[in-house]
Amino acid sequence: MAETPLVGIIMGSKSDMPVMEACTAQLEEFGIPYELVIASAHRAPDKVHEWAGSAA
């Protein structure tokens, strides 16, 4: 989404996407901007730490 995200969603892998589709659909229906990041805490701990540390 183009707006500054109000909600952050982080998933460990693409295989988690089917579980989160209802969530993202609901956010879109309500017009709530979000960002979705795929980053494994096991394979990319620095990316996860940076993302979580920068969240408001």
Protein backbone atom coordinates (compact mmCIF):
# COMPACT_ATOMS: atom_id res chain seq x y z
CA MET A 1 0.00 0.00 0.00
CA ALA A 2 1.20 3.52 -0.72
CA GLU A 3 0.34 5.10 2.64
CA THR A 4 2.51 4.89 5.73
CA PRO A 5 1.67 1.51 7.25
CA LEU A 6 -0.24 1.40 10.52
CA VAL A 7 0.05 -2.37 10.82
CA GLY A 8 3.11 -4.53 10.36
CA ILE A 9 2.86 -8.20 9.50
CA ILE A 10 5.96 -10.37 9.59
CA MET A 11 5.95 -13.99 8.54
CA GLY A 12 8.68 -16.59 8.68
CA SER A 13 8.10 -17.87 5.14
CA LYS A 14 5.88 -17.57 2.07
CA SER A 15 4.12 -20.74 3.18
CA ASP A 16 2.52 -18.66 5.97
CA MET A 17 0.71 -16.50 3.41
CA PRO A 18 -2.50 -18.58 3.21
CA VAL A 19 -2.98 -18.11 6.95
CA MET A 20 -2.57 -14.33 6.68
CA GLU A 21 -4.69 -13.75 3.56
CA ALA A 22 -7.85 -13.21 5.59
CA CYS A 23 -6.00 -10.68 7.74
CA THR A 24 -4.66 -8.67 4.80
CA ALA A 25 -8.05 -8.82 3.08
CA GLN A 26 -9.71 -7.40 6.18
CA LEU A 27 -7.13 -4.62 6.47
CA GLU A 28 -7.66 -3.73 2.82
CA GLU A 29 -11.45 -3.76 3.26
CA PHE A 30 -11.15 -1.29 6.13
CA GLY A 31 -8.59 0.82 4.24
CA ILE A 32 -5.90 0.27 6.85
CA PRO A 33 -2.40 0.59 5.41
CA TYR A 34 -0.05 -2.25 6.26
CA GLU A 35 3.29 -3.69 5.34
CA LEU A 36 4.03 -7.36 4.97
CA VAL A 37 7.54 -8.72 5.41
CA ILE A 38 8.73 -12.26 4.93
CA ALA A 39 11.79 -12.88 7.06
CA SER A 40 12.73 -15.92 9.07
CA ALA A 41 14.05 -15.24 12.55
CA HIS A 42 16.23 -18.33 12.11
CA ARG A 43 17.61 -17.59 8.63
CA ALA A 44 17.64 -13.78 8.72
CA PRO A 45 17.77 -12.69 12.36
CA ASP A 46 19.38 -9.34 11.53
CA LYS A 47 16.56 -8.45 9.12
CA VAL A 48 13.93 -9.42 11.68
CA HIS A 49 15.70 -7.49 14.43
CA GLU A 50 16.04 -4.39 12.26
CA TRP A 51 12.38 -4.54 11.17
CA ALA A 52 11.08 -5.05 14.71
CA GLY A 53 13.42 -2.43 16.14
CA SER A 54 12.21 0.20 13.68
CA ALA A 55 8.50 -0.42 14.33
CA ALA A 56 6.65 2.41 16.03
